[in-house]
């Protein structure tokens, strides 16, 4: 059975742009190291139905498999880098979403 992609969706407020820029500088190389790709971000997403509590920046990125996604998250280099994000943002959530496996 082939691996299914996994996605991360995050929602946070940036309150220290300099700290967050430090995080961004290292984020993309580490994402690529684990086979991930950045999909998009939006600072003014719109809730069209349901809970309107999602304010701030929304981000979406993907990995080819759950193992790759978890490897990125557990990477000590990423965890050290994420301290800049933690210092520069208030995270509401970072959600791991399992994609559908390919149809045969």
C-alpha atoms as a PDB file:
ATOM      1  CA  UNK A   1       0.000   0.000   0.000  1.00  0.00           C
ATOM      2  CA  UNK A   2       1.371   3.405  -0.997  1.00  0.00           C
ATOM      3  CA  UNK A   3       1.910   6.168   1.530  1.00  0.00           C
ATOM      4  CA  UNK A   4      -0.747   8.844   1.713  1.00  0.00           C
ATOM      5  CA  UNK A   5       0.253  12.501   1.899  1.00  0.00           C
ATOM      6  CA  UNK A   6      -0.116  14.392   5.164  1.00  0.00           C
ATOM      7  CA  UNK A   7      -0.850  18.058   5.595  1.00  0.00           C
ATOM      8  CA  UNK A   8      -0.256  20.582   8.340  1.00  0.00           C
ATOM      9  CA  UNK A   9      -2.651  23.474   8.865  1.00  0.00           C
ATOM     10  CA  UNK A  10      -1.661  26.107  11.385  1.00  0.00           C
ATOM     11  CA  UNK A  11      -3.293  29.215  12.779  1.00  0.00           C
ATOM     12  CA  UNK A  12      -1.358  31.834  14.727  1.00  0.00           C
ATOM     13  CA  UNK A  13      -0.843  35.531  15.366  1.00  0.00           C
ATOM     14  CA  UNK A  14       2.549  37.097  14.673  1.00  0.00           C
ATOM     15  CA  UNK A  15       3.364  39.499  17.508  1.00  0.00           C
ATOM     16  CA  UNK A  16       7.141  39.817  16.967  1.00  0.00           C
ATOM     17  CA  UNK A  17       7.926  40.030  13.244  1.00  0.00           C
ATOM     18  CA  UNK A  18      11.711  39.911  13.750  1.00  0.00           C
ATOM     19  CA  UNK A  19      11.551  36.661  15.728  1.00  0.00           C
ATOM     20  CA  UNK A  20       9.158  35.179  13.204  1.00  0.00           C
ATOM     21  CA  UNK A  21      11.476  36.137  10.302  1.00  0.00           C
ATOM     22  CA  UNK A  22      14.270  34.179  12.028  1.00  0.00           C
ATOM     23  CA  UNK A  23      11.952  31.178  12.019  1.00  0.00           C
ATOM     24  CA  UNK A  24      10.997  31.655   8.365  1.00  0.00           C
ATOM     25  CA  UNK A  25      14.661  31.763   7.292  1.00  0.00           C
ATOM     26  CA  UNK A  26      15.237  28.235   8.541  1.00  0.00           C
ATOM     27  CA  UNK A  27      11.756  26.808   7.942  1.00  0.00           C
ATOM     28  CA  UNK A  28      11.890  26.296   4.189  1.00  0.00           C
ATOM     29  CA  UNK A  29      15.235  24.415   4.053  1.00  0.00           C
ATOM     30  CA  UNK A  30      14.040  22.070   6.833  1.00  0.00           C
ATOM     31  CA  UNK A  31      10.711  21.542   5.105  1.00  0.00           C
ATOM     32  CA  UNK A  32      12.542  20.569   1.917  1.00  0.00           C
ATOM     33  CA  UNK A  33      14.960  18.315   3.863  1.00  0.00           C
ATOM     34  CA  UNK A  34      11.969  16.176   4.877  1.00  0.00           C
ATOM     35  CA  UNK A  35      10.306  16.153   1.457  1.00  0.00           C
ATOM     36  CA  UNK A  36       7.726  18.766   2.392  1.00  0.00           C
ATOM     37  CA  UNK A  37       6.302  21.513   0.256  1.00  0.00           C
ATOM     38  CA  UNK A  38       4.683  24.790   1.235  1.00  0.00           C
ATOM     39  CA  UNK A  39       1.172  25.238  -0.134  1.00  0.00           C
ATOM     40  CA  UNK A  40       0.001  28.673   1.003  1.00  0.00           C
ATOM     41  CA  UNK A  41      -0.555  31.193   3.767  1.00  0.00           C
ATOM     42  CA  UNK A  42      -3.274  33.764   4.293  1.00  0.00           C
ATOM     43  CA  UNK A  43      -3.376  36.676   6.735  1.00  0.00           C
ATOM     44  CA  UNK A  44      -7.035  37.425   6.005  1.00  0.00           C
ATOM     45  CA  UNK A  45      -8.801  34.099   5.504  1.00  0.00           C
ATOM     46  CA  UNK A  46     -12.575  34.161   5.573  1.00  0.00           C
ATOM     47  CA  UNK A  47     -14.832  31.853   7.562  1.00  0.00           C
ATOM     48  CA  UNK A  48     -17.843  31.092   5.374  1.00  0.00           C
ATOM     49  CA  UNK A  49     -19.584  28.820   7.877  1.00  0.00           C
ATOM     50  CA  UNK A  50     -19.156  27.696  11.470  1.00  0.00           C
ATOM     51  CA  UNK A  51     -16.888  28.985  14.238  1.00  0.00           C
ATOM     52  CA  UNK A  52     -15.429  32.369  13.337  1.00  0.00           C
ATOM     53  CA  UNK A  53     -12.591  31.979  15.846  1.00  0.00           C
ATOM     54  CA  UNK A  54      -9.873  31.533  13.213  1.00  0.00           C
ATOM     55  CA  UNK A  55      -8.135  34.892  13.090  1.00  0.00           C
ATOM     56  CA  UNK A  56      -4.533  35.601  12.227  1.00  0.00           C
ATOM     57  CA  UNK A  57      -2.289  33.762   9.801  1.00  0.00           C
ATOM     58  CA  UNK A  58      -3.339  30.424   8.353  1.00  0.00           C
ATOM     59  CA  UNK A  59      -0.618  28.246   6.823  1.00  0.00           C
ATOM     60  CA  UNK A  60      -0.788  24.986   4.873  1.00  0.00           C
ATOM     61  CA  UNK A  61       2.045  22.670   3.888  1.00  0.00           C
ATOM     62  CA  UNK A  62       2.335  19.006   2.990  1.00  0.00           C
ATOM     63  CA  UNK A  63       4.575  15.963   3.229  1.00  0.00           C
ATOM     64  CA  UNK A  64       4.550  12.833   1.069  1.00  0.00           C
ATOM     65  CA  UNK A  65       3.816  10.587   4.063  1.00  0.00           C
ATOM     66  CA  UNK A  66       3.025  10.570   7.756  1.00  0.00           C
ATOM     67  CA  UNK A  67       6.555   9.322   8.469  1.00  0.00           C
ATOM     68  CA  UNK A  68       8.035  12.335   6.666  1.00  0.00           C
ATOM     69  CA  UNK A  69       5.684  14.727   8.513  1.00  0.00           C
ATOM     70  CA  UNK A  70       6.531  13.254  11.895  1.00  0.00           C
ATOM     71  CA  UNK A  71      10.229  13.193  11.017  1.00  0.00           C
ATOM     72  CA  UNK A  72      10.125  16.925  10.290  1.00  0.00           C
ATOM     73  CA  UNK A  73       8.309  17.666  13.545  1.00  0.00           C
ATOM     74  CA  UNK A  74      10.691  15.507  15.619  1.00  0.00           C
ATOM     75  CA  UNK A  75      13.872  16.778  13.935  1.00  0.00           C
ATOM     76  CA  UNK A  76      15.991  18.386  16.691  1.00  0.00           C
ATOM     77  CA  UNK A  77      17.050  21.083  14.220  1.00  0.00           C
ATOM     78  CA  UNK A  78      13.394  21.970  13.619  1.00  0.00           C
ATOM     79  CA  UNK A  79      12.563  21.930  17.324  1.00  0.00           C
ATOM     80  CA  UNK A  80      15.442  24.354  17.999  1.00  0.00           C
ATOM     81  CA  UNK A  81      14.290  26.590  15.131  1.00  0.00           C
ATOM     82  CA  UNK A  82      10.679  26.522  16.325  1.00  0.00           C
ATOM     83  CA  UNK A  83      11.704  28.404  19.466  1.00  0.00           C
ATOM     84  CA  UNK A  84      11.817  31.525  17.247  1.00  0.00           C
ATOM     85  CA  UNK A  85       8.225  30.846  16.152  1.00  0.00           C
ATOM     86  CA  UNK A  86       7.140  30.291  19.725  1.00  0.00           C
ATOM     87  CA  UNK A  87       8.799  33.569  20.751  1.00  0.00           C
ATOM     88  CA  UNK A  88       7.317  35.546  17.848  1.00  0.00           C
ATOM     89  CA  UNK A  89       3.802  34.144  17.584  1.00  0.00           C
ATOM     90  CA  UNK A  90       0.825  33.004  19.573  1.00  0.00           C
ATOM     91  CA  UNK A  91      -0.121  29.603  18.151  1.00  0.00           C
ATOM     92  CA  UNK A  92      -3.799  28.680  18.155  1.00  0.00           C
ATOM     93  CA  UNK A  93      -3.221  25.289  16.550  1.00  0.00           C
ATOM     94  CA  UNK A  94      -0.989  23.216  14.292  1.00  0.00           C
ATOM     95  CA  UNK A  95      -3.071  20.330  12.980  1.00  0.00           C
ATOM     96  CA  UNK A  96      -1.788  17.174  11.241  1.00  0.00           C
ATOM     97  CA  UNK A  97      -4.273  16.021   8.611  1.00  0.00           C
ATOM     98  CA  UNK A  98      -3.995  12.618   6.943  1.00  0.00           C
ATOM     99  CA  UNK A  99      -4.619  12.622   3.216  1.00  0.00           C
ATOM    100  CA  UNK A 100      -6.391   9.916   1.284  1.00  0.00           C
ATOM    101  CA  UNK A 101      -4.261   7.073  -0.083  1.00  0.00           C
ATOM    102  CA  UNK A 102      -4.036   6.817  -3.868  1.00  0.00           C
ATOM    103  CA  UNK A 103      -6.872   4.881  -5.491  1.00  0.00           C
ATOM    104  CA  UNK A 104      -5.941   1.662  -7.183  1.00  0.00           C
END
